[in-house]
Every structure is written in C-alpha cells, then in structure tokens.
Amino acid sequence: MKLVGEFYHDRGLSRSKVRHTDLYRIAQDLGSRLAVAQGLARIPDYRDEIEQLTRARFKTRREFCEATGLSEDMLSHVLARRKHIALDRLNEALARIGYILRIVPQDSFERPRRGRRAAA
C-alpha cells in the first residue's frame, strides 16, 4: 500500500484521491485477502455488524440491550465469540430497533483451509 501511495504522490495526487484509484483498491483487496489466507485477519461476520451497530446508534451496550431485549450477558458472550444468537431471536431483536437480517452472496474471499500444510 505504501508503494502505491508513493507512486501516486510522486504524480501529484492527494491521499484522498489516491484512495479512490483502481490500483489502490486492488492493492487493498489483495492485502486483505493475503491477511485472511495467512491467518492474520478474519472475514467479518454478523457479530462485527452488531458491534458496529451498537457503537453507532447507542451510547452503551446496556442501552442497546434494553432496546433489543437481549441480555447484557448474552451480548457480551456473542461479541466475545463464545456464543451465537439463534436466528429467530436475532431477527426479533433487530426488528425491535428497525433492522432486519438479510442473506447476501458470499464474498469472493476464500476461507483458509484448515489441515495439513504442504511439505516444503
């Protein structure tokens, strides 16, 4: 990413304009894919979206829980990735705050395969 930024900076583009170039977006996408494949990052899931929603629309987790009807204990476990919320319960909780669940096509990311590594 640094090299892409330097390439465009040398040609007089501002950082904000560099971020909108195709080359920058391609490099960013490849960097993300490599991080996932190497186990340095993970693909976001519904728990990340719940956390973002909680931070964006509510002052505290408690306020989010009161609005959705979820217990603070359950939310804590879910966000810590120790538990999942049943789909019907999650759908009901989100409906109380004006949101819905939606099924979308899987990202083009390939999940890293677990198992034996190839011998060198």
N, C-alpha and C. Protein backbone atom coordinates (compact mmCIF):
# COMPACT_ATOMS: atom_id res chain seq x y z
N MET A 1 0.83 -1.18 0.00
CA MET A 1 0.00 0.00 0.00
C MET A 1 0.88 1.25 0.00
N LYS A 2 1.96 1.17 0.73
CA LYS A 2 2.85 2.32 0.82
C LYS A 2 3.40 2.67 -0.56
N LEU A 3 3.80 1.65 -1.31
CA LEU A 3 4.35 1.89 -2.64
C LEU A 3 3.32 2.48 -3.59
N VAL A 4 2.09 2.03 -3.47
CA VAL A 4 1.02 2.58 -4.32
C VAL A 4 0.82 4.05 -3.98
N GLY A 5 0.79 4.37 -2.70
CA GLY A 5 0.65 5.75 -2.27
C GLY A 5 1.78 6.62 -2.78
N GLU A 6 3.02 6.11 -2.67
CA GLU A 6 4.17 6.87 -3.15
C GLU A 6 4.11 7.07 -4.66
N PHE A 7 3.68 6.04 -5.39
CA PHE A 7 3.56 6.12 -6.84
C PHE A 7 2.67 7.30 -7.23
N TYR A 8 1.51 7.38 -6.62
CA TYR A 8 0.57 8.46 -6.95
C TYR A 8 1.00 9.80 -6.36
N HIS A 9 1.61 9.79 -5.19
CA HIS A 9 2.07 11.04 -4.58
C HIS A 9 3.11 11.71 -5.48
N ASP A 10 4.00 10.90 -6.06
CA ASP A 10 5.02 11.44 -6.97
C ASP A 10 4.40 12.06 -8.21
N ARG A 11 3.16 11.70 -8.50
CA ARG A 11 2.47 12.24 -9.67
C ARG A 11 1.50 13.36 -9.29
N GLY A 12 1.56 13.79 -8.03
CA GLY A 12 0.81 14.96 -7.60
C GLY A 12 -0.60 14.70 -7.08
N LEU A 13 -0.98 13.44 -6.85
CA LEU A 13 -2.32 13.16 -6.32
C LEU A 13 -2.32 13.25 -4.80
N SER A 14 -3.38 13.79 -4.25
CA SER A 14 -3.53 13.85 -2.79
C SER A 14 -3.88 12.47 -2.26
N ARG A 15 -3.69 12.27 -0.97
CA ARG A 15 -4.01 10.96 -0.36
C ARG A 15 -5.48 10.60 -0.54
N SER A 16 -6.35 11.58 -0.40
CA SER A 16 -7.78 11.28 -0.53
C SER A 16 -8.12 10.84 -1.95
N LYS A 17 -7.46 11.40 -2.94
CA LYS A 17 -7.71 10.99 -4.33
C LYS A 17 -7.08 9.64 -4.63
N VAL A 18 -5.92 9.37 -4.01
CA VAL A 18 -5.25 8.09 -4.21
C VAL A 18 -6.16 6.95 -3.78
N ARG A 19 -6.88 7.13 -2.68
CA ARG A 19 -7.75 6.06 -2.14
C ARG A 19 -8.90 5.70 -3.07
N HIS A 20 -9.18 6.55 -4.04
CA HIS A 20 -10.28 6.28 -4.98
C HIS A 20 -9.78 5.72 -6.31
N THR A 21 -8.49 5.47 -6.43
CA THR A 21 -7.96 4.93 -7.68
C THR A 21 -8.16 3.41 -7.71
N ASP A 22 -8.25 2.88 -8.92
CA ASP A 22 -8.42 1.43 -9.08
C ASP A 22 -7.23 0.67 -8.51
N LEU A 23 -6.03 1.16 -8.79
CA LEU A 23 -4.83 0.46 -8.32
C LEU A 23 -4.81 0.36 -6.80
N TYR A 24 -5.16 1.43 -6.12
CA TYR A 24 -5.19 1.42 -4.65
C TYR A 24 -6.21 0.41 -4.14
N ARG A 25 -7.38 0.41 -4.75
CA ARG A 25 -8.43 -0.53 -4.31
C ARG A 25 -8.03 -1.98 -4.56
N ILE A 26 -7.37 -2.23 -5.68
CA ILE A 26 -6.90 -3.59 -5.98
C ILE A 26 -5.84 -4.01 -4.95
N ALA A 27 -4.89 -3.12 -4.67
CA ALA A 27 -3.85 -3.43 -3.69
C ALA A 27 -4.45 -3.66 -2.31
N GLN A 28 -5.44 -2.87 -1.95
CA GLN A 28 -6.11 -3.03 -0.66
C GLN A 28 -6.83 -4.38 -0.59
N ASP A 29 -7.51 -4.75 -1.66
CA ASP A 29 -8.22 -6.02 -1.71
C ASP A 29 -7.25 -7.19 -1.61
N LEU A 30 -6.16 -7.13 -2.37
CA LEU A 30 -5.17 -8.21 -2.32
C LEU A 30 -4.52 -8.31 -0.93
N GLY A 31 -4.25 -7.16 -0.33
CA GLY A 31 -3.69 -7.17 1.02
C GLY A 31 -4.62 -7.83 2.02
N SER A 32 -5.91 -7.54 1.89
CA SER A 32 -6.90 -8.14 2.78
C SER A 32 -6.99 -9.64 2.57
N ARG A 33 -6.99 -10.06 1.32
CA ARG A 33 -7.07 -11.49 1.01
C ARG A 33 -5.85 -12.24 1.56
N LEU A 34 -4.68 -11.64 1.39
CA LEU A 34 -3.47 -12.27 1.92
C LEU A 34 -3.51 -12.38 3.44
N ALA A 35 -3.97 -11.34 4.10
CA ALA A 35 -4.06 -11.36 5.56
C ALA A 35 -4.99 -12.47 6.03
N VAL A 36 -6.11 -12.64 5.36
CA VAL A 36 -7.05 -13.71 5.72
C VAL A 36 -6.42 -15.08 5.45
N ALA A 37 -5.80 -15.23 4.29
CA ALA A 37 -5.19 -16.52 3.93
C ALA A 37 -4.06 -16.90 4.88
N GLN A 38 -3.34 -15.90 5.39
CA GLN A 38 -2.23 -16.17 6.31
C GLN A 38 -2.67 -16.27 7.76
N GLY A 39 -3.96 -16.08 8.00
CA GLY A 39 -4.47 -16.17 9.36
C GLY A 39 -4.21 -14.93 10.19
N LEU A 40 -3.82 -13.83 9.56
CA LEU A 40 -3.55 -12.58 10.27
C LEU A 40 -4.81 -11.75 10.47
N ALA A 41 -5.85 -12.07 9.72
CA ALA A 41 -7.13 -11.36 9.81
C ALA A 41 -8.24 -12.37 9.57
N ARG A 42 -9.46 -11.98 9.84
CA ARG A 42 -10.59 -12.87 9.59
C ARG A 42 -11.66 -12.11 8.83
N ILE A 43 -12.51 -12.86 8.18
CA ILE A 43 -13.63 -12.27 7.45
C ILE A 43 -14.67 -11.82 8.47
N PRO A 44 -15.16 -10.58 8.37
CA PRO A 44 -16.17 -10.11 9.32
C PRO A 44 -17.44 -10.95 9.27
N ASP A 45 -18.14 -11.06 10.39
CA ASP A 45 -19.41 -11.77 10.41
C ASP A 45 -20.48 -10.92 11.10
N TYR A 46 -21.62 -11.52 11.39
CA TYR A 46 -22.75 -10.76 11.94
C TYR A 46 -22.42 -10.11 13.28
N ARG A 47 -21.51 -10.72 14.02
CA ARG A 47 -21.15 -10.15 15.32
C ARG A 47 -20.42 -8.82 15.17
N ASP A 48 -19.62 -8.71 14.12
CA ASP A 48 -18.96 -7.43 13.86
C ASP A 48 -19.99 -6.36 13.51
N GLU A 49 -21.01 -6.75 12.75
CA GLU A 49 -22.06 -5.80 12.39
C GLU A 49 -22.87 -5.37 13.61
N ILE A 50 -23.13 -6.31 14.52
CA ILE A 50 -23.85 -5.97 15.75
C ILE A 50 -23.01 -4.98 16.57
N GLU A 51 -21.72 -5.24 16.66
CA GLU A 51 -20.86 -4.33 17.43
C GLU A 51 -20.83 -2.94 16.80
N GLN A 52 -20.73 -2.86 15.48
CA GLN A 52 -20.75 -1.56 14.80
C GLN A 52 -22.07 -0.85 15.03
N LEU A 53 -23.16 -1.58 14.93
CA LEU A 53 -24.49 -1.00 15.15
C LEU A 53 -24.62 -0.48 16.58
N THR A 54 -24.13 -1.26 17.53
CA THR A 54 -24.18 -0.86 18.94
C THR A 54 -23.42 0.44 19.16
N ARG A 55 -22.24 0.54 18.59
CA ARG A 55 -21.42 1.75 18.77
C ARG A 55 -22.00 2.96 18.05
N ALA A 56 -22.58 2.72 16.88
CA ALA A 56 -23.07 3.84 16.06
C ALA A 56 -24.39 4.43 16.56
N ARG A 57 -25.28 3.57 17.04
CA ARG A 57 -26.63 4.04 17.36
C ARG A 57 -26.95 4.15 18.85
N PHE A 58 -26.11 3.60 19.69
CA PHE A 58 -26.41 3.56 21.12
C PHE A 58 -25.22 4.06 21.93
N LYS A 59 -25.52 4.70 23.04
CA LYS A 59 -24.46 5.23 23.89
C LYS A 59 -23.71 4.12 24.60
N THR A 60 -24.43 3.07 24.97
CA THR A 60 -23.82 1.96 25.71
C THR A 60 -24.39 0.64 25.22
N ARG A 61 -23.72 -0.44 25.59
CA ARG A 61 -24.25 -1.77 25.29
C ARG A 61 -25.55 -2.00 26.04
N ARG A 62 -25.61 -1.47 27.26
CA ARG A 62 -26.83 -1.62 28.07
C ARG A 62 -28.02 -1.00 27.33
N GLU A 63 -27.83 0.18 26.76
CA GLU A 63 -28.91 0.84 26.02
C GLU A 63 -29.34 -0.01 24.82
N PHE A 64 -28.36 -0.60 24.13
CA PHE A 64 -28.66 -1.49 23.01
C PHE A 64 -29.48 -2.68 23.49
N CYS A 65 -29.07 -3.27 24.59
CA CYS A 65 -29.77 -4.45 25.14
C CYS A 65 -31.19 -4.11 25.56
N GLU A 66 -31.38 -2.96 26.18
CA GLU A 66 -32.73 -2.55 26.57
C GLU A 66 -33.62 -2.36 25.35
N ALA A 67 -33.07 -1.83 24.28
CA ALA A 67 -33.85 -1.58 23.07
C ALA A 67 -34.18 -2.87 22.32
N THR A 68 -33.27 -3.84 22.35
CA THR A 68 -33.46 -5.07 21.59
C THR A 68 -34.08 -6.20 22.40
N GLY A 69 -33.99 -6.11 23.72
CA GLY A 69 -34.48 -7.19 24.55
C GLY A 69 -33.46 -8.28 24.79
N LEU A 70 -32.24 -8.11 24.30
CA LEU A 70 -31.18 -9.08 24.56
C LEU A 70 -30.59 -8.82 25.93
N SER A 71 -30.11 -9.86 26.58
CA SER A 71 -29.47 -9.66 27.88
C SER A 71 -28.04 -9.17 27.66
N GLU A 72 -27.55 -8.39 28.61
CA GLU A 72 -26.18 -7.89 28.50
C GLU A 72 -25.18 -9.05 28.53
N ASP A 73 -25.49 -10.07 29.33
CA ASP A 73 -24.63 -11.23 29.42
C ASP A 73 -24.53 -11.94 28.07
N MET A 74 -25.67 -12.13 27.42
CA MET A 74 -25.68 -12.79 26.11
C MET A 74 -24.90 -11.97 25.09
N LEU A 75 -25.14 -10.66 25.06
CA LEU A 75 -24.44 -9.81 24.10
C LEU A 75 -22.93 -9.88 24.33
N SER A 76 -22.52 -9.88 25.58
CA SER A 76 -21.10 -9.98 25.90
C SER A 76 -20.50 -11.27 25.36
N HIS A 77 -21.19 -12.39 25.56
CA HIS A 77 -20.71 -13.68 25.05
C HIS A 77 -20.67 -13.70 23.52
N VAL A 78 -21.67 -13.13 22.89
CA VAL A 78 -21.73 -13.12 21.42
C VAL A 78 -20.58 -12.29 20.86
N LEU A 79 -20.39 -11.09 21.40
CA LEU A 79 -19.34 -10.22 20.88
C LEU A 79 -17.94 -10.76 21.18
N ALA A 80 -17.81 -11.58 22.22
CA ALA A 80 -16.54 -12.22 22.54
C ALA A 80 -16.35 -13.51 21.75
N ARG A 81 -17.32 -13.87 20.91
CA ARG A 81 -17.29 -15.05 20.05
C ARG A 81 -17.33 -16.37 20.82
N ARG A 82 -17.97 -16.33 21.99
CA ARG A 82 -18.14 -17.56 22.77
C ARG A 82 -19.48 -18.21 22.51
N LYS A 83 -20.45 -17.42 22.03
CA LYS A 83 -21.80 -17.94 21.76
C LYS A 83 -22.35 -17.30 20.49
N HIS A 84 -23.43 -17.90 19.99
CA HIS A 84 -24.19 -17.35 18.86
C HIS A 84 -25.60 -17.04 19.34
N ILE A 85 -26.26 -16.15 18.64
CA ILE A 85 -27.67 -15.87 18.90
C ILE A 85 -28.49 -16.67 17.90
N ALA A 86 -29.53 -17.35 18.36
CA ALA A 86 -30.41 -18.09 17.46
C ALA A 86 -31.01 -17.12 16.44
N LEU A 87 -31.16 -17.58 15.20
CA LEU A 87 -31.65 -16.70 14.13
C LEU A 87 -32.99 -16.05 14.45
N ASP A 88 -33.92 -16.83 14.99
CA ASP A 88 -35.23 -16.24 15.28
C ASP A 88 -35.12 -15.17 16.37
N ARG A 89 -34.27 -15.41 17.36
CA ARG A 89 -34.08 -14.43 18.43
C ARG A 89 -33.38 -13.17 17.91
N LEU A 90 -32.37 -13.34 17.06
CA LEU A 90 -31.66 -12.21 16.48
C LEU A 90 -32.59 -11.39 15.59
N ASN A 91 -33.38 -12.07 14.79
CA ASN A 91 -34.34 -11.40 13.91
C ASN A 91 -35.33 -10.57 14.73
N GLU A 92 -35.83 -11.13 15.80
CA GLU A 92 -36.78 -10.44 16.68
C GLU A 92 -36.13 -9.22 17.35
N ALA A 93 -34.90 -9.39 17.82
CA ALA A 93 -34.19 -8.28 18.49
C ALA A 93 -33.92 -7.14 17.51
N LEU A 94 -33.49 -7.48 16.31
CA LEU A 94 -33.20 -6.44 15.32
C LEU A 94 -34.47 -5.72 14.87
N ALA A 95 -35.57 -6.45 14.76
CA ALA A 95 -36.84 -5.83 14.36
C ALA A 95 -37.27 -4.77 15.37
N ARG A 96 -36.95 -4.98 16.64
CA ARG A 96 -37.32 -4.01 17.68
C ARG A 96 -36.63 -2.66 17.50
N ILE A 97 -35.51 -2.65 16.77
CA ILE A 97 -34.80 -1.38 16.55
C ILE A 97 -34.81 -0.97 15.07
N GLY A 98 -35.67 -1.66 14.29
CA GLY A 98 -35.84 -1.26 12.90
C GLY A 98 -34.85 -1.84 11.91
N TYR A 99 -34.27 -3.00 12.23
CA TYR A 99 -33.33 -3.66 11.33
C TYR A 99 -33.84 -5.06 10.99
N ILE A 100 -33.32 -5.63 9.91
CA ILE A 100 -33.67 -6.99 9.51
C ILE A 100 -32.40 -7.76 9.17
N LEU A 101 -32.53 -9.07 9.19
CA LEU A 101 -31.46 -9.94 8.70
C LEU A 101 -31.60 -10.06 7.20
N ARG A 102 -30.48 -10.26 6.54
CA ARG A 102 -30.53 -10.38 5.09
C ARG A 102 -29.48 -11.39 4.65
N ILE A 103 -29.84 -12.24 3.71
CA ILE A 103 -28.90 -13.21 3.16
C ILE A 103 -28.34 -12.62 1.87
N VAL A 104 -27.03 -12.58 1.78
CA VAL A 104 -26.37 -12.00 0.61
C VAL A 104 -25.36 -13.00 0.06
N PRO A 105 -24.94 -12.82 -1.20
CA PRO A 105 -23.95 -13.74 -1.76
C PRO A 105 -22.66 -13.72 -0.95
N GLN A 106 -22.04 -14.87 -0.88
CA GLN A 106 -20.79 -14.98 -0.14
C GLN A 106 -19.74 -14.12 -0.82
N ASP A 107 -18.91 -13.44 -0.02
CA ASP A 107 -17.82 -12.64 -0.57
C ASP A 107 -16.92 -13.52 -1.42
N SER A 108 -16.15 -12.90 -2.25
CA SER A 108 -15.23 -13.66 -3.09
C SER A 108 -14.03 -14.16 -2.31
N PHE A 109 -13.96 -13.80 -1.01
CA PHE A 109 -12.89 -14.34 -0.18
C PHE A 109 -13.05 -15.84 -0.06
N GLU A 110 -11.94 -16.53 -0.17
CA GLU A 110 -11.97 -17.97 0.12
C GLU A 110 -11.51 -18.14 1.55
N ARG A 111 -12.28 -18.87 2.30
CA ARG A 111 -11.88 -19.11 3.68
C ARG A 111 -10.64 -20.00 3.68
N PRO A 112 -9.69 -19.70 4.55
CA PRO A 112 -8.49 -20.53 4.61
C PRO A 112 -8.86 -21.96 4.99
N ARG A 113 -8.23 -22.89 4.35
CA ARG A 113 -8.50 -24.30 4.64
C ARG A 113 -7.67 -24.73 5.83
N ARG A 114 -8.30 -25.43 6.72
CA ARG A 114 -7.59 -25.95 7.88
C ARG A 114 -7.10 -27.35 7.54
N GLY A 115 -6.00 -27.70 8.07
CA GLY A 115 -5.49 -29.04 7.81
C GLY A 115 -3.98 -29.02 7.70
N ARG A 116 -3.46 -30.05 7.05
CA ARG A 116 -2.01 -30.16 6.95
C ARG A 116 -1.46 -29.16 5.95
N ARG A 117 -0.29 -28.68 6.27
CA ARG A 117 0.42 -27.79 5.35
C ARG A 117 1.18 -28.64 4.35
N ALA A 118 1.41 -28.07 3.19
CA ALA A 118 2.19 -28.78 2.18
C ALA A 118 3.64 -28.87 2.65
N ALA A 119 4.26 -29.99 2.39
CA ALA A 119 5.66 -30.17 2.77
C ALA A 119 6.54 -29.31 1.88
N ALA A 120 7.59 -28.74 2.48
CA ALA A 120 8.48 -27.86 1.71
C ALA A 120 9.52 -28.63 0.97
